[in-house]
Amino acid sequence: MADIKYYDVIQKPIITEKSMNAMAEKKYTFLVHPEANKSQIKEAVEKMFEGTKVKSVNTMNLDGKTRRRGMVVGKTAKTKKAIVALTEDSKDIEIFEGL
């Protein structure tokens, strides 16, 4: 397993209607490094966003989709998604403000 630093764990936030509705319950969705585990994701969120306390982390592995171009068949890259729940006394994450 590669040595993953905390700033390499979170790749980008996922902005969908379902993830925006979950923000009311202090749940934020991120695309994360495929080899990152739950404790690394928790550490990365608490270090990157000041004042946040993580209550729980749920992860899911997403396989790549099959794509065709003529007779050639290939697959897109597999990804990993994490849903991070914050505690009640935690600050909100600023990148989601105003959306």
N, C-alpha and C. Protein backbone atom coordinates (compact mmCIF):
# COMPACT_ATOMS: atom_id res chain seq x y z
N MET A 1 0.84 -1.19 0.00
CA MET A 1 0.00 0.00 0.00
C MET A 1 0.87 1.24 0.00
N ALA A 2 0.51 2.20 -0.79
CA ALA A 2 1.28 3.43 -0.92
C ALA A 2 1.15 4.28 0.34
N ASP A 3 2.19 5.07 0.59
CA ASP A 3 2.16 6.01 1.72
C ASP A 3 1.37 7.24 1.28
N ILE A 4 0.15 7.37 1.80
CA ILE A 4 -0.75 8.45 1.39
C ILE A 4 -0.74 9.54 2.46
N LYS A 5 -0.43 10.76 2.07
CA LYS A 5 -0.47 11.90 2.98
C LYS A 5 -1.91 12.41 3.08
N TYR A 6 -2.20 13.15 4.15
CA TYR A 6 -3.58 13.58 4.38
C TYR A 6 -4.10 14.50 3.28
N TYR A 7 -3.23 15.28 2.65
CA TYR A 7 -3.68 16.18 1.60
C TYR A 7 -3.91 15.46 0.27
N ASP A 8 -3.50 14.19 0.15
CA ASP A 8 -3.77 13.39 -1.05
C ASP A 8 -5.05 12.57 -0.93
N VAL A 9 -5.61 12.47 0.27
CA VAL A 9 -6.75 11.59 0.50
C VAL A 9 -8.00 12.13 -0.17
N ILE A 10 -8.37 13.37 0.12
CA ILE A 10 -9.60 13.95 -0.43
C ILE A 10 -9.28 14.56 -1.79
N GLN A 11 -9.96 14.06 -2.84
CA GLN A 11 -9.70 14.56 -4.18
C GLN A 11 -10.63 15.69 -4.56
N LYS A 12 -11.95 15.53 -4.35
CA LYS A 12 -12.89 16.62 -4.64
C LYS A 12 -14.22 16.32 -3.97
N PRO A 13 -15.02 17.36 -3.72
CA PRO A 13 -16.36 17.13 -3.17
C PRO A 13 -17.30 16.66 -4.27
N ILE A 14 -18.32 15.92 -3.88
CA ILE A 14 -19.34 15.47 -4.82
C ILE A 14 -20.58 16.33 -4.59
N ILE A 15 -20.99 17.05 -5.65
CA ILE A 15 -22.11 17.96 -5.58
C ILE A 15 -23.27 17.36 -6.37
N THR A 16 -24.20 16.75 -5.67
CA THR A 16 -25.42 16.22 -6.29
C THR A 16 -26.60 16.67 -5.44
N GLU A 17 -27.80 16.45 -5.95
CA GLU A 17 -28.99 16.82 -5.19
C GLU A 17 -29.08 16.03 -3.89
N LYS A 18 -28.76 14.75 -3.96
CA LYS A 18 -28.83 13.90 -2.77
C LYS A 18 -27.78 14.32 -1.73
N SER A 19 -26.56 14.65 -2.17
CA SER A 19 -25.53 15.05 -1.21
C SER A 19 -25.83 16.42 -0.61
N MET A 20 -26.49 17.30 -1.37
CA MET A 20 -26.86 18.61 -0.84
C MET A 20 -27.96 18.48 0.23
N ASN A 21 -28.89 17.57 0.04
CA ASN A 21 -29.92 17.33 1.04
C ASN A 21 -29.34 16.73 2.32
N ALA A 22 -28.28 15.93 2.20
CA ALA A 22 -27.65 15.32 3.36
C ALA A 22 -26.85 16.33 4.18
N MET A 23 -26.52 17.48 3.59
CA MET A 23 -25.77 18.50 4.32
C MET A 23 -26.58 19.08 5.47
N ALA A 24 -27.90 19.00 5.42
CA ALA A 24 -28.73 19.47 6.53
C ALA A 24 -28.50 18.63 7.78
N GLU A 25 -28.07 17.39 7.60
CA GLU A 25 -27.76 16.49 8.72
C GLU A 25 -26.26 16.44 9.01
N LYS A 26 -25.50 17.42 8.47
CA LYS A 26 -24.04 17.52 8.63
C LYS A 26 -23.33 16.30 8.06
N LYS A 27 -23.77 15.85 6.88
CA LYS A 27 -23.11 14.76 6.16
C LYS A 27 -22.58 15.32 4.84
N TYR A 28 -21.29 15.14 4.60
CA TYR A 28 -20.63 15.67 3.42
C TYR A 28 -20.05 14.52 2.60
N THR A 29 -20.13 14.62 1.27
CA THR A 29 -19.70 13.55 0.38
C THR A 29 -18.47 13.99 -0.40
N PHE A 30 -17.44 13.13 -0.43
CA PHE A 30 -16.19 13.42 -1.10
C PHE A 30 -15.77 12.24 -1.97
N LEU A 31 -15.05 12.55 -3.06
CA LEU A 31 -14.35 11.54 -3.83
C LEU A 31 -12.98 11.43 -3.20
N VAL A 32 -12.57 10.21 -2.81
CA VAL A 32 -11.32 10.03 -2.07
C VAL A 32 -10.39 9.09 -2.82
N HIS A 33 -9.15 9.02 -2.36
CA HIS A 33 -8.15 8.13 -2.95
C HIS A 33 -8.61 6.68 -2.79
N PRO A 34 -8.49 5.86 -3.85
CA PRO A 34 -9.01 4.49 -3.78
C PRO A 34 -8.37 3.61 -2.71
N GLU A 35 -7.17 3.94 -2.26
CA GLU A 35 -6.50 3.12 -1.25
C GLU A 35 -6.63 3.69 0.17
N ALA A 36 -7.33 4.79 0.34
CA ALA A 36 -7.47 5.42 1.66
C ALA A 36 -8.48 4.64 2.50
N ASN A 37 -8.16 4.49 3.79
CA ASN A 37 -9.11 3.82 4.69
C ASN A 37 -9.86 4.87 5.51
N LYS A 38 -10.79 4.41 6.34
CA LYS A 38 -11.67 5.33 7.07
C LYS A 38 -10.91 6.22 8.04
N SER A 39 -9.90 5.69 8.71
CA SER A 39 -9.16 6.51 9.67
C SER A 39 -8.34 7.59 8.95
N GLN A 40 -7.82 7.29 7.75
CA GLN A 40 -7.10 8.30 6.99
C GLN A 40 -8.04 9.38 6.50
N ILE A 41 -9.25 9.02 6.11
CA ILE A 41 -10.23 9.99 5.66
C ILE A 41 -10.65 10.90 6.81
N LYS A 42 -10.86 10.33 7.98
CA LYS A 42 -11.22 11.11 9.16
C LYS A 42 -10.11 12.10 9.51
N GLU A 43 -8.87 11.65 9.50
CA GLU A 43 -7.73 12.51 9.80
C GLU A 43 -7.62 13.64 8.78
N ALA A 44 -7.83 13.33 7.50
CA ALA A 44 -7.70 14.34 6.44
C ALA A 44 -8.76 15.43 6.58
N VAL A 45 -10.00 15.05 6.88
CA VAL A 45 -11.07 16.05 7.02
C VAL A 45 -10.81 16.94 8.22
N GLU A 46 -10.37 16.37 9.33
CA GLU A 46 -10.13 17.18 10.53
C GLU A 46 -8.93 18.09 10.37
N LYS A 47 -7.92 17.70 9.58
CA LYS A 47 -6.76 18.56 9.37
C LYS A 47 -7.01 19.63 8.30
N MET A 48 -7.75 19.28 7.24
CA MET A 48 -7.94 20.23 6.14
C MET A 48 -8.97 21.29 6.46
N PHE A 49 -9.98 20.96 7.25
CA PHE A 49 -11.04 21.90 7.57
C PHE A 49 -11.02 22.16 9.07
N GLU A 50 -10.56 23.34 9.48
CA GLU A 50 -10.39 23.69 10.89
C GLU A 50 -11.72 23.70 11.62
N GLY A 51 -11.73 23.18 12.83
CA GLY A 51 -12.92 23.21 13.68
C GLY A 51 -13.91 22.09 13.42
N THR A 52 -13.56 21.13 12.58
CA THR A 52 -14.48 20.02 12.29
C THR A 52 -14.13 18.82 13.15
N LYS A 53 -15.14 18.13 13.63
CA LYS A 53 -14.98 16.88 14.37
C LYS A 53 -15.81 15.82 13.65
N VAL A 54 -15.16 14.74 13.25
CA VAL A 54 -15.83 13.69 12.48
C VAL A 54 -16.44 12.68 13.42
N LYS A 55 -17.72 12.41 13.23
CA LYS A 55 -18.42 11.39 14.02
C LYS A 55 -18.26 10.02 13.39
N SER A 56 -18.49 9.92 12.07
CA SER A 56 -18.36 8.62 11.39
C SER A 56 -18.03 8.84 9.93
N VAL A 57 -17.48 7.78 9.32
CA VAL A 57 -17.13 7.80 7.90
C VAL A 57 -17.68 6.53 7.26
N ASN A 58 -18.48 6.69 6.20
CA ASN A 58 -18.95 5.55 5.42
C ASN A 58 -18.30 5.63 4.05
N THR A 59 -17.77 4.49 3.56
CA THR A 59 -17.11 4.48 2.27
C THR A 59 -17.77 3.48 1.34
N MET A 60 -17.62 3.72 0.05
CA MET A 60 -18.09 2.77 -0.94
C MET A 60 -17.16 2.78 -2.14
N ASN A 61 -16.83 1.58 -2.64
CA ASN A 61 -16.00 1.44 -3.82
C ASN A 61 -16.88 1.36 -5.05
N LEU A 62 -16.55 2.16 -6.05
CA LEU A 62 -17.31 2.19 -7.28
C LEU A 62 -16.44 1.65 -8.40
N ASP A 63 -16.89 0.59 -9.08
CA ASP A 63 -16.15 0.03 -10.20
C ASP A 63 -16.26 0.96 -11.41
N GLY A 64 -15.29 0.85 -12.29
CA GLY A 64 -15.31 1.65 -13.51
C GLY A 64 -16.39 1.16 -14.46
N LYS A 65 -16.92 2.08 -15.24
CA LYS A 65 -17.96 1.73 -16.20
C LYS A 65 -17.32 1.18 -17.47
N THR A 66 -18.01 0.26 -18.13
CA THR A 66 -17.56 -0.27 -19.41
C THR A 66 -17.93 0.72 -20.51
N ARG A 67 -16.95 1.08 -21.33
CA ARG A 67 -17.16 2.02 -22.42
C ARG A 67 -16.69 1.37 -23.72
N ARG A 68 -17.42 1.66 -24.80
CA ARG A 68 -17.06 1.14 -26.12
C ARG A 68 -16.77 2.27 -27.07
N ARG A 69 -15.84 2.02 -27.95
CA ARG A 69 -15.58 2.92 -29.07
C ARG A 69 -15.37 2.01 -30.27
N GLY A 70 -16.45 1.77 -30.98
CA GLY A 70 -16.40 0.79 -32.06
C GLY A 70 -16.35 -0.61 -31.47
N MET A 71 -15.37 -1.40 -31.91
CA MET A 71 -15.23 -2.76 -31.39
C MET A 71 -14.36 -2.82 -30.15
N VAL A 72 -13.67 -1.74 -29.84
CA VAL A 72 -12.76 -1.72 -28.71
C VAL A 72 -13.55 -1.45 -27.43
N VAL A 73 -13.37 -2.33 -26.44
CA VAL A 73 -14.07 -2.20 -25.17
C VAL A 73 -13.04 -1.90 -24.08
N GLY A 74 -13.35 -0.93 -23.25
CA GLY A 74 -12.46 -0.58 -22.15
C GLY A 74 -13.26 -0.23 -20.91
N LYS A 75 -12.55 0.07 -19.82
CA LYS A 75 -13.21 0.45 -18.57
C LYS A 75 -12.64 1.78 -18.09
N THR A 76 -13.51 2.58 -17.49
CA THR A 76 -13.03 3.80 -16.86
C THR A 76 -12.41 3.45 -15.51
N ALA A 77 -11.76 4.41 -14.90
CA ALA A 77 -11.07 4.17 -13.64
C ALA A 77 -12.07 3.91 -12.51
N LYS A 78 -11.70 3.02 -11.58
CA LYS A 78 -12.55 2.81 -10.42
C LYS A 78 -12.29 3.91 -9.40
N THR A 79 -13.31 4.24 -8.63
CA THR A 79 -13.22 5.34 -7.67
C THR A 79 -13.72 4.89 -6.30
N LYS A 80 -13.52 5.76 -5.33
CA LYS A 80 -14.01 5.51 -3.97
C LYS A 80 -14.69 6.78 -3.48
N LYS A 81 -15.84 6.60 -2.85
CA LYS A 81 -16.64 7.72 -2.36
C LYS A 81 -16.76 7.58 -0.85
N ALA A 82 -16.70 8.71 -0.14
CA ALA A 82 -16.82 8.72 1.31
C ALA A 82 -17.88 9.71 1.74
N ILE A 83 -18.74 9.28 2.67
CA ILE A 83 -19.73 10.16 3.27
C ILE A 83 -19.28 10.39 4.72
N VAL A 84 -18.95 11.64 5.03
CA VAL A 84 -18.40 12.00 6.33
C VAL A 84 -19.49 12.69 7.14
N ALA A 85 -19.80 12.14 8.31
CA ALA A 85 -20.78 12.74 9.22
C ALA A 85 -20.03 13.49 10.32
N LEU A 86 -20.41 14.75 10.53
CA LEU A 86 -19.77 15.56 11.57
C LEU A 86 -20.61 15.55 12.83
N THR A 87 -19.97 15.86 13.96
CA THR A 87 -20.69 15.92 15.23
C THR A 87 -21.54 17.18 15.27
N GLU A 88 -22.45 17.26 16.24
CA GLU A 88 -23.37 18.40 16.34
C GLU A 88 -22.66 19.70 16.66
N ASP A 89 -21.60 19.65 17.50
CA ASP A 89 -20.89 20.87 17.89
C ASP A 89 -19.78 21.25 16.91
N SER A 90 -19.64 20.54 15.82
CA SER A 90 -18.60 20.80 14.83
C SER A 90 -18.99 21.96 13.92
N LYS A 91 -17.97 22.67 13.40
CA LYS A 91 -18.21 23.71 12.43
C LYS A 91 -18.56 23.09 11.08
N ASP A 92 -19.30 23.85 10.25
CA ASP A 92 -19.60 23.38 8.90
C ASP A 92 -18.36 23.52 8.02
N ILE A 93 -18.33 22.78 6.92
CA ILE A 93 -17.22 22.86 5.98
C ILE A 93 -17.49 24.02 5.02
N GLU A 94 -16.49 24.92 4.88
CA GLU A 94 -16.70 26.18 4.18
C GLU A 94 -16.89 26.01 2.67
N ILE A 95 -16.31 24.97 2.06
CA ILE A 95 -16.39 24.86 0.60
C ILE A 95 -17.82 24.62 0.12
N PHE A 96 -18.70 24.19 1.02
CA PHE A 96 -20.07 23.95 0.64
C PHE A 96 -20.98 25.15 0.91
N GLU A 97 -20.44 26.22 1.47
CA GLU A 97 -21.25 27.39 1.80
C GLU A 97 -21.67 28.12 0.52
N GLY A 98 -22.90 28.55 0.45
CA GLY A 98 -23.39 29.31 -0.68
C GLY A 98 -23.82 28.48 -1.88
N LEU A 99 -23.86 27.17 -1.73
CA LEU A 99 -24.27 26.33 -2.86
C LEU A 99 -25.74 26.01 -2.76
